[in-house]
Amino acid sequence: VDIFFIDWERPQVHGLTTKLTSPKSNERSTGEVSAALNTKKD
């Protein structure tokens, strides 16, 4: 089975975060998701 543990804990200090952590109000399309993931992959 494919299993993953999602940790919802937020950092106690402000750090650099990716755009995938944006709230619901900043919803994006699947194309934007793929672009963000590819950028991170590099």
ModelCIF file with pLDDT and N, C-alpha, C, O atoms, coordinates in Angstrom:
data_MODEL
#
_entry.id   MODEL 
#
_entity.id                         1 
_entity.type                       polymer 
_entity.pdbx_number_of_molecules   1 
#
_entity_poly.entity_id                      1 
_entity_poly.type                           'polypeptide(L)' 
_entity_poly.nstd_linkage                   no 
_entity_poly.nstd_monomer                   no 
_entity_poly.pdbx_seq_one_letter_code       VDIFFIDWERPQVHGLTTKLTSPKSNERSTGEVSAALNTKKD 
_entity_poly.pdbx_seq_one_letter_code_can   VDIFFIDWERPQVHGLTTKLTSPKSNERSTGEVSAALNTKKD 
_entity_poly.pdbx_strand_id                 A 
#
loop_
_entity_poly_seq.entity_id 
_entity_poly_seq.num 
_entity_poly_seq.mon_id 
_entity_poly_seq.hetero 
1 1  VAL n 
1 2  ASP n 
1 3  ILE n 
1 4  PHE n 
1 5  PHE n 
1 6  ILE n 
1 7  ASP n 
1 8  TRP n 
1 9  GLU n 
1 10 ARG n 
1 11 PRO n 
1 12 GLN n 
1 13 VAL n 
1 14 HIS n 
1 15 GLY n 
1 16 LEU n 
1 17 THR n 
1 18 THR n 
1 19 LYS n 
1 20 LEU n 
1 21 THR n 
1 22 SER n 
1 23 PRO n 
1 24 LYS n 
1 25 SER n 
1 26 ASN n 
1 27 GLU n 
1 28 ARG n 
1 29 SER n 
1 30 THR n 
1 31 GLY n 
1 32 GLU n 
1 33 VAL n 
1 34 SER n 
1 35 ALA n 
1 36 ALA n 
1 37 LEU n 
1 38 ASN n 
1 39 THR n 
1 40 LYS n 
1 41 LYS n 
1 42 ASP n 
#
_struct_asym.id          A 
_struct_asym.entity_id   1 
#
loop_
_ma_qa_metric.id 
_ma_qa_metric.mode 
_ma_qa_metric.name 
_ma_qa_metric.software_group_id 
_ma_qa_metric.type 
1 global pLDDT . pLDDT 
2 local  pLDDT . pLDDT 
#
_ma_qa_metric_global.metric_id      1 
_ma_qa_metric_global.metric_value   60.14 
_ma_qa_metric_global.model_id       1 
_ma_qa_metric_global.ordinal_id     1 
#
loop_
_ma_qa_metric_local.label_asym_id 
_ma_qa_metric_local.label_comp_id 
_ma_qa_metric_local.label_seq_id 
_ma_qa_metric_local.metric_id 
_ma_qa_metric_local.metric_value 
_ma_qa_metric_local.model_id 
_ma_qa_metric_local.ordinal_id 
A VAL 1  2 93.00 1 1  
A ASP 2  2 93.00 1 2  
A ILE 3  2 94.00 1 3  
A PHE 4  2 93.00 1 4  
A PHE 5  2 94.00 1 5  
A ILE 6  2 92.00 1 6  
A ASP 7  2 90.00 1 7  
A TRP 8  2 89.00 1 8  
A GLU 9  2 84.00 1 9  
A ARG 10 2 82.00 1 10 
A PRO 11 2 76.00 1 11 
A GLN 12 2 70.00 1 12 
A VAL 13 2 58.00 1 13 
A HIS 14 2 47.00 1 14 
A GLY 15 2 44.00 1 15 
A LEU 16 2 44.00 1 16 
A THR 17 2 42.00 1 17 
A THR 18 2 42.00 1 18 
A LYS 19 2 42.00 1 19 
A LEU 20 2 41.00 1 20 
A THR 21 2 41.00 1 21 
A SER 22 2 40.00 1 22 
A PRO 23 2 41.00 1 23 
A LYS 24 2 43.00 1 24 
A SER 25 2 44.00 1 25 
A ASN 26 2 48.00 1 26 
A GLU 27 2 53.00 1 27 
A ARG 28 2 56.00 1 28 
A SER 29 2 56.00 1 29 
A THR 30 2 55.00 1 30 
A GLY 31 2 57.00 1 31 
A GLU 32 2 56.00 1 32 
A VAL 33 2 56.00 1 33 
A SER 34 2 57.00 1 34 
A ALA 35 2 52.00 1 35 
A ALA 36 2 53.00 1 36 
A LEU 37 2 55.00 1 37 
A ASN 38 2 54.00 1 38 
A THR 39 2 50.00 1 39 
A LYS 40 2 50.00 1 40 
A LYS 41 2 50.00 1 41 
A ASP 42 2 49.00 1 42 
#
loop_
_atom_site.group_PDB 
_atom_site.id 
_atom_site.type_symbol 
_atom_site.label_atom_id 
_atom_site.label_alt_id 
_atom_site.label_comp_id 
_atom_site.label_asym_id 
_atom_site.label_entity_id 
_atom_site.label_seq_id 
_atom_site.pdbx_PDB_ins_code 
_atom_site.Cartn_x 
_atom_site.Cartn_y 
_atom_site.Cartn_z 
_atom_site.occupancy 
_atom_site.B_iso_or_equiv 
_atom_site.pdbx_formal_charge 
_atom_site.auth_seq_id 
_atom_site.auth_comp_id 
_atom_site.auth_asym_id 
_atom_site.auth_atom_id 
_atom_site.pdbx_PDB_model_num 
ATOM 1   N N  . VAL A 1 1  ? 0.835  -1.192 0.000   1.00 93.00 ? 1  VAL A N  1 
ATOM 2   C CA . VAL A 1 1  ? 0.000  0.000  0.000   1.00 93.00 ? 1  VAL A CA 1 
ATOM 3   C C  . VAL A 1 1  ? 0.875  1.249  0.000   1.00 93.00 ? 1  VAL A C  1 
ATOM 4   O O  . VAL A 1 1  ? 1.996  1.235  0.509   1.00 93.00 ? 1  VAL A O  1 
ATOM 5   N N  . ASP A 1 2  ? 0.359  2.311  -0.568  1.00 93.00 ? 2  ASP A N  1 
ATOM 6   C CA . ASP A 1 2  ? 1.041  3.610  -0.518  1.00 93.00 ? 2  ASP A CA 1 
ATOM 7   C C  . ASP A 1 2  ? 0.531  4.358  0.704   1.00 93.00 ? 2  ASP A C  1 
ATOM 8   O O  . ASP A 1 2  ? -0.661 4.646  0.810   1.00 93.00 ? 2  ASP A O  1 
ATOM 9   N N  . ILE A 1 3  ? 1.414  4.664  1.605   1.00 94.00 ? 3  ILE A N  1 
ATOM 10  C CA . ILE A 1 3  ? 1.030  5.289  2.865   1.00 94.00 ? 3  ILE A CA 1 
ATOM 11  C C  . ILE A 1 3  ? 1.918  6.485  3.137   1.00 94.00 ? 3  ILE A C  1 
ATOM 12  O O  . ILE A 1 3  ? 3.110  6.482  2.827   1.00 94.00 ? 3  ILE A O  1 
ATOM 13  N N  . PHE A 1 4  ? 1.316  7.503  3.720   1.00 93.00 ? 4  PHE A N  1 
ATOM 14  C CA . PHE A 1 4  ? 2.082  8.698  4.066   1.00 93.00 ? 4  PHE A CA 1 
ATOM 15  C C  . PHE A 1 4  ? 1.473  9.320  5.324   1.00 93.00 ? 4  PHE A C  1 
ATOM 16  O O  . PHE A 1 4  ? 0.255  9.326  5.503   1.00 93.00 ? 4  PHE A O  1 
ATOM 17  N N  . PHE A 1 5  ? 2.341  9.840  6.188   1.00 94.00 ? 5  PHE A N  1 
ATOM 18  C CA . PHE A 1 5  ? 1.925  10.487 7.431   1.00 94.00 ? 5  PHE A CA 1 
ATOM 19  C C  . PHE A 1 5  ? 2.040  11.999 7.253   1.00 94.00 ? 5  PHE A C  1 
ATOM 20  O O  . PHE A 1 5  ? 3.133  12.534 7.068   1.00 94.00 ? 5  PHE A O  1 
ATOM 21  N N  . ILE A 1 6  ? 0.899  12.675 7.314   1.00 92.00 ? 6  ILE A N  1 
ATOM 22  C CA . ILE A 1 6  ? 0.839  14.126 7.100   1.00 92.00 ? 6  ILE A CA 1 
ATOM 23  C C  . ILE A 1 6  ? 0.964  14.832 8.447   1.00 92.00 ? 6  ILE A C  1 
ATOM 24  O O  . ILE A 1 6  ? 0.082  14.722 9.299   1.00 92.00 ? 6  ILE A O  1 
ATOM 25  N N  . ASP A 1 7  ? 2.037  15.540 8.626   1.00 90.00 ? 7  ASP A N  1 
ATOM 26  C CA . ASP A 1 7  ? 2.276  16.290 9.870   1.00 90.00 ? 7  ASP A CA 1 
ATOM 27  C C  . ASP A 1 7  ? 1.707  17.689 9.701   1.00 90.00 ? 7  ASP A C  1 
ATOM 28  O O  . ASP A 1 7  ? 2.153  18.446 8.838   1.00 90.00 ? 7  ASP A O  1 
ATOM 29  N N  . TRP A 1 8  ? 0.711  18.037 10.530  1.00 89.00 ? 8  TRP A N  1 
ATOM 30  C CA . TRP A 1 8  ? 0.049  19.339 10.430  1.00 89.00 ? 8  TRP A CA 1 
ATOM 31  C C  . TRP A 1 8  ? 0.729  20.411 11.282  1.00 89.00 ? 8  TRP A C  1 
ATOM 32  O O  . TRP A 1 8  ? 0.310  21.568 11.264  1.00 89.00 ? 8  TRP A O  1 
ATOM 33  N N  . GLU A 1 9  ? 1.749  20.047 12.010  1.00 84.00 ? 9  GLU A N  1 
ATOM 34  C CA . GLU A 1 9  ? 2.406  21.006 12.904  1.00 84.00 ? 9  GLU A CA 1 
ATOM 35  C C  . GLU A 1 9  ? 3.063  22.125 12.104  1.00 84.00 ? 9  GLU A C  1 
ATOM 36  O O  . GLU A 1 9  ? 3.717  21.878 11.090  1.00 84.00 ? 9  GLU A O  1 
ATOM 37  N N  . ARG A 1 10 ? 2.884  23.337 12.564  1.00 82.00 ? 10 ARG A N  1 
ATOM 38  C CA . ARG A 1 10 ? 3.499  24.490 11.917  1.00 82.00 ? 10 ARG A CA 1 
ATOM 39  C C  . ARG A 1 10 ? 4.787  24.870 12.632  1.00 82.00 ? 10 ARG A C  1 
ATOM 40  O O  . ARG A 1 10 ? 4.904  24.674 13.842  1.00 82.00 ? 10 ARG A O  1 
ATOM 41  N N  . PRO A 1 11 ? 5.753  25.410 11.899  1.00 76.00 ? 11 PRO A N  1 
ATOM 42  C CA . PRO A 1 11 ? 7.014  25.819 12.541  1.00 76.00 ? 11 PRO A CA 1 
ATOM 43  C C  . PRO A 1 11 ? 6.773  26.871 13.612  1.00 76.00 ? 11 PRO A C  1 
ATOM 44  O O  . PRO A 1 11 ? 5.918  27.744 13.459  1.00 76.00 ? 11 PRO A O  1 
ATOM 45  N N  . GLN A 1 12 ? 7.531  26.781 14.697  1.00 70.00 ? 12 GLN A N  1 
ATOM 46  C CA . GLN A 1 12 ? 7.415  27.753 15.771  1.00 70.00 ? 12 GLN A CA 1 
ATOM 47  C C  . GLN A 1 12 ? 8.082  29.073 15.415  1.00 70.00 ? 12 GLN A C  1 
ATOM 48  O O  . GLN A 1 12 ? 7.764  30.113 15.992  1.00 70.00 ? 12 GLN A O  1 
ATOM 49  N N  . VAL A 1 13 ? 9.012  29.028 14.461  1.00 58.00 ? 13 VAL A N  1 
ATOM 50  C CA . VAL A 1 13 ? 9.672  30.251 14.006  1.00 58.00 ? 13 VAL A CA 1 
ATOM 51  C C  . VAL A 1 13 ? 9.326  30.454 12.551  1.00 58.00 ? 13 VAL A C  1 
ATOM 52  O O  . VAL A 1 13 ? 9.027  29.496 11.838  1.00 58.00 ? 13 VAL A O  1 
ATOM 53  N N  . HIS A 1 14 ? 9.366  31.706 12.102  1.00 47.00 ? 14 HIS A N  1 
ATOM 54  C CA . HIS A 1 14 ? 9.067  32.007 10.718  1.00 47.00 ? 14 HIS A CA 1 
ATOM 55  C C  . HIS A 1 14 ? 10.198 31.548 9.825   1.00 47.00 ? 14 HIS A C  1 
ATOM 56  O O  . HIS A 1 14 ? 11.359 31.901 10.030  1.00 47.00 ? 14 HIS A O  1 
ATOM 57  N N  . GLY A 1 15 ? 9.841  30.754 8.831   1.00 44.00 ? 15 GLY A N  1 
ATOM 58  C CA . GLY A 1 15 ? 10.847 30.266 7.900   1.00 44.00 ? 15 GLY A CA 1 
ATOM 59  C C  . GLY A 1 15 ? 10.354 30.420 6.484   1.00 44.00 ? 15 GLY A C  1 
ATOM 60  O O  . GLY A 1 15 ? 9.261  30.921 6.220   1.00 44.00 ? 15 GLY A O  1 
ATOM 61  N N  . LEU A 1 16 ? 11.191 29.976 5.597   1.00 44.00 ? 16 LEU A N  1 
ATOM 62  C CA . LEU A 1 16 ? 10.842 30.049 4.190   1.00 44.00 ? 16 LEU A CA 1 
ATOM 63  C C  . LEU A 1 16 ? 9.890  28.922 3.865   1.00 44.00 ? 16 LEU A C  1 
ATOM 64  O O  . LEU A 1 16 ? 10.230 27.766 4.118   1.00 44.00 ? 16 LEU A O  1 
ATOM 65  N N  . THR A 1 17 ? 8.727  29.188 3.322   1.00 42.00 ? 17 THR A N  1 
ATOM 66  C CA . THR A 1 17 ? 7.726  28.180 3.009   1.00 42.00 ? 17 THR A CA 1 
ATOM 67  C C  . THR A 1 17 ? 7.422  28.206 1.542   1.00 42.00 ? 17 THR A C  1 
ATOM 68  O O  . THR A 1 17 ? 7.632  29.209 0.860   1.00 42.00 ? 17 THR A O  1 
ATOM 69  N N  . THR A 1 18 ? 6.927  27.096 1.065   1.00 42.00 ? 18 THR A N  1 
ATOM 70  C CA . THR A 1 18 ? 6.565  26.994 -0.338  1.00 42.00 ? 18 THR A CA 1 
ATOM 71  C C  . THR A 1 18 ? 5.147  27.466 -0.555  1.00 42.00 ? 18 THR A C  1 
ATOM 72  O O  . THR A 1 18 ? 4.387  27.628 0.399   1.00 42.00 ? 18 THR A O  1 
ATOM 73  N N  . LYS A 1 19 ? 4.790  27.688 -1.798  1.00 42.00 ? 19 LYS A N  1 
ATOM 74  C CA . LYS A 1 19 ? 3.474  28.192 -2.118  1.00 42.00 ? 19 LYS A CA 1 
ATOM 75  C C  . LYS A 1 19 ? 2.375  27.155 -1.961  1.00 42.00 ? 19 LYS A C  1 
ATOM 76  O O  . LYS A 1 19 ? 1.190  27.481 -2.023  1.00 42.00 ? 19 LYS A O  1 
ATOM 77  N N  . LEU A 1 20 ? 2.769  25.914 -1.761  1.00 41.00 ? 20 LEU A N  1 
ATOM 78  C CA . LEU A 1 20 ? 1.747  24.880 -1.598  1.00 41.00 ? 20 LEU A CA 1 
ATOM 79  C C  . LEU A 1 20 ? 1.055  24.972 -0.256  1.00 41.00 ? 20 LEU A C  1 
ATOM 80  O O  . LEU A 1 20 ? 0.057  24.281 -0.050  1.00 41.00 ? 20 LEU A O  1 
ATOM 81  N N  . THR A 1 21 ? 1.541  25.802 0.681   1.00 41.00 ? 21 THR A N  1 
ATOM 82  C CA . THR A 1 21 ? 0.921  25.925 1.991   1.00 41.00 ? 21 THR A CA 1 
ATOM 83  C C  . THR A 1 21 ? -0.067 27.074 2.048   1.00 41.00 ? 21 THR A C  1 
ATOM 84  O O  . THR A 1 21 ? -0.481 27.469 3.138   1.00 41.00 ? 21 THR A O  1 
ATOM 85  N N  . SER A 1 22 ? -0.449 27.611 0.930   1.00 40.00 ? 22 SER A N  1 
ATOM 86  C CA . SER A 1 22 ? -1.361 28.747 0.932   1.00 40.00 ? 22 SER A CA 1 
ATOM 87  C C  . SER A 1 22 ? -2.729 28.335 1.418   1.00 40.00 ? 22 SER A C  1 
ATOM 88  O O  . SER A 1 22 ? -3.118 27.185 1.216   1.00 40.00 ? 22 SER A O  1 
ATOM 89  N N  . PRO A 1 23 ? -3.486 29.232 2.057   1.00 41.00 ? 23 PRO A N  1 
ATOM 90  C CA . PRO A 1 23 ? -4.815 28.907 2.550   1.00 41.00 ? 23 PRO A CA 1 
ATOM 91  C C  . PRO A 1 23 ? -5.798 28.741 1.414   1.00 41.00 ? 23 PRO A C  1 
ATOM 92  O O  . PRO A 1 23 ? -5.480 28.946 0.242   1.00 41.00 ? 23 PRO A O  1 
ATOM 93  N N  . LYS A 1 24 ? -7.032 28.354 1.810   1.00 43.00 ? 24 LYS A N  1 
ATOM 94  C CA . LYS A 1 24 ? -8.053 28.106 0.811   1.00 43.00 ? 24 LYS A CA 1 
ATOM 95  C C  . LYS A 1 24 ? -8.324 29.319 -0.054  1.00 43.00 ? 24 LYS A C  1 
ATOM 96  O O  . LYS A 1 24 ? -8.658 29.191 -1.232  1.00 43.00 ? 24 LYS A O  1 
ATOM 97  N N  . SER A 1 25 ? -8.181 30.489 0.528   1.00 44.00 ? 25 SER A N  1 
ATOM 98  C CA . SER A 1 25 ? -8.515 31.702 -0.220  1.00 44.00 ? 25 SER A CA 1 
ATOM 99  C C  . SER A 1 25 ? -7.597 31.914 -1.405  1.00 44.00 ? 25 SER A C  1 
ATOM 100 O O  . SER A 1 25 ? -7.920 32.662 -2.328  1.00 44.00 ? 25 SER A O  1 
ATOM 101 N N  . ASN A 1 26 ? -6.439 31.245 -1.375  1.00 48.00 ? 26 ASN A N  1 
ATOM 102 C CA . ASN A 1 26 ? -5.494 31.373 -2.485  1.00 48.00 ? 26 ASN A CA 1 
ATOM 103 C C  . ASN A 1 26 ? -5.450 30.095 -3.299  1.00 48.00 ? 26 ASN A C  1 
ATOM 104 O O  . ASN A 1 26 ? -4.365 29.613 -3.625  1.00 48.00 ? 26 ASN A O  1 
ATOM 105 N N  . GLU A 1 27 ? -6.610 29.531 -3.639  1.00 53.00 ? 27 GLU A N  1 
ATOM 106 C CA . GLU A 1 27 ? -6.670 28.300 -4.410  1.00 53.00 ? 27 GLU A CA 1 
ATOM 107 C C  . GLU A 1 27 ? -6.017 28.499 -5.766  1.00 53.00 ? 27 GLU A C  1 
ATOM 108 O O  . GLU A 1 27 ? -6.041 29.590 -6.335  1.00 53.00 ? 27 GLU A O  1 
ATOM 109 N N  . ARG A 1 28 ? -5.428 27.412 -6.274  1.00 56.00 ? 28 ARG A N  1 
ATOM 110 C CA . ARG A 1 28 ? -4.779 27.502 -7.566  1.00 56.00 ? 28 ARG A CA 1 
ATOM 111 C C  . ARG A 1 28 ? -5.180 26.310 -8.409  1.00 56.00 ? 28 ARG A C  1 
ATOM 112 O O  . ARG A 1 28 ? -5.754 25.342 -7.910  1.00 56.00 ? 28 ARG A O  1 
ATOM 113 N N  . SER A 1 29 ? -4.877 26.390 -9.672  1.00 56.00 ? 29 SER A N  1 
ATOM 114 C CA . SER A 1 29 ? -5.235 25.318 -10.594 1.00 56.00 ? 29 SER A CA 1 
ATOM 115 C C  . SER A 1 29 ? -4.202 24.213 -10.534 1.00 56.00 ? 29 SER A C  1 
ATOM 116 O O  . SER A 1 29 ? -3.141 24.356 -9.927  1.00 56.00 ? 29 SER A O  1 
ATOM 117 N N  . THR A 1 30 ? -4.541 23.096 -11.185 1.00 55.00 ? 30 THR A N  1 
ATOM 118 C CA . THR A 1 30 ? -3.624 21.963 -11.208 1.00 55.00 ? 30 THR A CA 1 
ATOM 119 C C  . THR A 1 30 ? -2.352 22.307 -11.949 1.00 55.00 ? 30 THR A C  1 
ATOM 120 O O  . THR A 1 30 ? -1.282 21.829 -11.574 1.00 55.00 ? 30 THR A O  1 
ATOM 121 N N  . GLY A 1 31 ? -2.432 23.119 -12.986 1.00 57.00 ? 31 GLY A N  1 
ATOM 122 C CA . GLY A 1 31 ? -1.238 23.522 -13.718 1.00 57.00 ? 31 GLY A CA 1 
ATOM 123 C C  . GLY A 1 31 ? -0.286 24.297 -12.844 1.00 57.00 ? 31 GLY A C  1 
ATOM 124 O O  . GLY A 1 31 ? 0.928  24.113 -12.926 1.00 57.00 ? 31 GLY A O  1 
ATOM 125 N N  . GLU A 1 32 ? -0.826 25.170 -12.000 1.00 56.00 ? 32 GLU A N  1 
ATOM 126 C CA . GLU A 1 32 ? 0.027  25.931 -11.097 1.00 56.00 ? 32 GLU A CA 1 
ATOM 127 C C  . GLU A 1 32 ? 0.653  25.008 -10.050 1.00 56.00 ? 32 GLU A C  1 
ATOM 128 O O  . GLU A 1 32 ? 1.791  25.211 -9.629  1.00 56.00 ? 32 GLU A O  1 
ATOM 129 N N  . VAL A 1 33 ? -0.107 23.993 -9.640  1.00 56.00 ? 33 VAL A N  1 
ATOM 130 C CA . VAL A 1 33 ? 0.431  23.034 -8.681  1.00 56.00 ? 33 VAL A CA 1 
ATOM 131 C C  . VAL A 1 33 ? 1.623  22.308 -9.286  1.00 56.00 ? 33 VAL A C  1 
ATOM 132 O O  . VAL A 1 33 ? 2.669  22.170 -8.653  1.00 56.00 ? 33 VAL A O  1 
ATOM 133 N N  . SER A 1 34 ? 1.448  21.844 -10.528 1.00 57.00 ? 34 SER A N  1 
ATOM 134 C CA . SER A 1 34 ? 2.537  21.128 -11.198 1.00 57.00 ? 34 SER A CA 1 
ATOM 135 C C  . SER A 1 34 ? 3.761  22.014 -11.363 1.00 57.00 ? 34 SER A C  1 
ATOM 136 O O  . SER A 1 34 ? 4.890  21.554 -11.188 1.00 57.00 ? 34 SER A O  1 
ATOM 137 N N  . ALA A 1 35 ? 3.549  23.277 -11.698 1.00 52.00 ? 35 ALA A N  1 
ATOM 138 C CA . ALA A 1 35 ? 4.667  24.192 -11.856 1.00 52.00 ? 35 ALA A CA 1 
ATOM 139 C C  . ALA A 1 35 ? 5.405  24.380 -10.544 1.00 52.00 ? 35 ALA A C  1 
ATOM 140 O O  . ALA A 1 35 ? 6.635  24.399 -10.506 1.00 52.00 ? 35 ALA A O  1 
ATOM 141 N N  . ALA A 1 36 ? 4.637  24.520 -9.464  1.00 53.00 ? 36 ALA A N  1 
ATOM 142 C CA . ALA A 1 36 ? 5.277  24.684 -8.157  1.00 53.00 ? 36 ALA A CA 1 
ATOM 143 C C  . ALA A 1 36 ? 6.064  23.451 -7.767  1.00 53.00 ? 36 ALA A C  1 
ATOM 144 O O  . ALA A 1 36 ? 7.161  23.544 -7.215  1.00 53.00 ? 36 ALA A O  1 
ATOM 145 N N  . LEU A 1 37 ? 5.488  22.287 -8.060  1.00 55.00 ? 37 LEU A N  1 
ATOM 146 C CA . LEU A 1 37 ? 6.182  21.047 -7.718  1.00 55.00 ? 37 LEU A CA 1 
ATOM 147 C C  . LEU A 1 37 ? 7.442  20.876 -8.538  1.00 55.00 ? 37 LEU A C  1 
ATOM 148 O O  . LEU A 1 37 ? 8.463  20.430 -8.014  1.00 55.00 ? 37 LEU A O  1 
ATOM 149 N N  . ASN A 1 38 ? 7.391  21.226 -9.826  1.00 54.00 ? 38 ASN A N  1 
ATOM 150 C CA . ASN A 1 38 ? 8.573  21.110 -10.681 1.00 54.00 ? 38 ASN A CA 1 
ATOM 151 C C  . ASN A 1 38 ? 9.674  22.054 -10.238 1.00 54.00 ? 38 ASN A C  1 
ATOM 152 O O  . ASN A 1 38 ? 10.856 21.713 -10.275 1.00 54.00 ? 38 ASN A O  1 
ATOM 153 N N  . THR A 1 39 ? 9.265  23.264 -9.810  1.00 50.00 ? 39 THR A N  1 
ATOM 154 C CA . THR A 1 39 ? 10.248 24.218 -9.309  1.00 50.00 ? 39 THR A CA 1 
ATOM 155 C C  . THR A 1 39 ? 10.941 23.679 -8.074  1.00 50.00 ? 39 THR A C  1 
ATOM 156 O O  . THR A 1 39 ? 12.156 23.795 -7.913  1.00 50.00 ? 39 THR A O  1 
ATOM 157 N N  . LYS A 1 40 ? 10.132 23.085 -7.205  1.00 50.00 ? 40 LYS A N  1 
ATOM 158 C CA . LYS A 1 40 ? 10.706 22.512 -5.999  1.00 50.00 ? 40 LYS A CA 1 
ATOM 159 C C  . LYS A 1 40 ? 11.588 21.320 -6.319  1.00 50.00 ? 40 LYS A C  1 
ATOM 160 O O  . LYS A 1 40 ? 12.612 21.102 -5.672  1.00 50.00 ? 40 LYS A O  1 
ATOM 161 N N  . LYS A 1 41 ? 11.188 20.559 -7.309  1.00 50.00 ? 41 LYS A N  1 
ATOM 162 C CA . LYS A 1 41 ? 11.949 19.362 -7.678  1.00 50.00 ? 41 LYS A CA 1 
ATOM 163 C C  . LYS A 1 41 ? 13.354 19.718 -8.150  1.00 50.00 ? 41 LYS A C  1 
ATOM 164 O O  . LYS A 1 41 ? 14.295 18.958 -7.924  1.00 50.00 ? 41 LYS A O  1 
ATOM 165 N N  . ASP A 1 42 ? 13.501 20.854 -8.798  1.00 49.00 ? 42 ASP A N  1 
ATOM 166 C CA . ASP A 1 42 ? 14.804 21.258 -9.304  1.00 49.00 ? 42 ASP A CA 1 
ATOM 167 C C  . ASP A 1 42 ? 15.801 21.507 -8.179  1.00 49.00 ? 42 ASP A C  1 
ATOM 168 O O  . ASP A 1 42 ? 16.952 21.855 -8.440  1.00 49.00 ? 42 ASP A O  1 
#
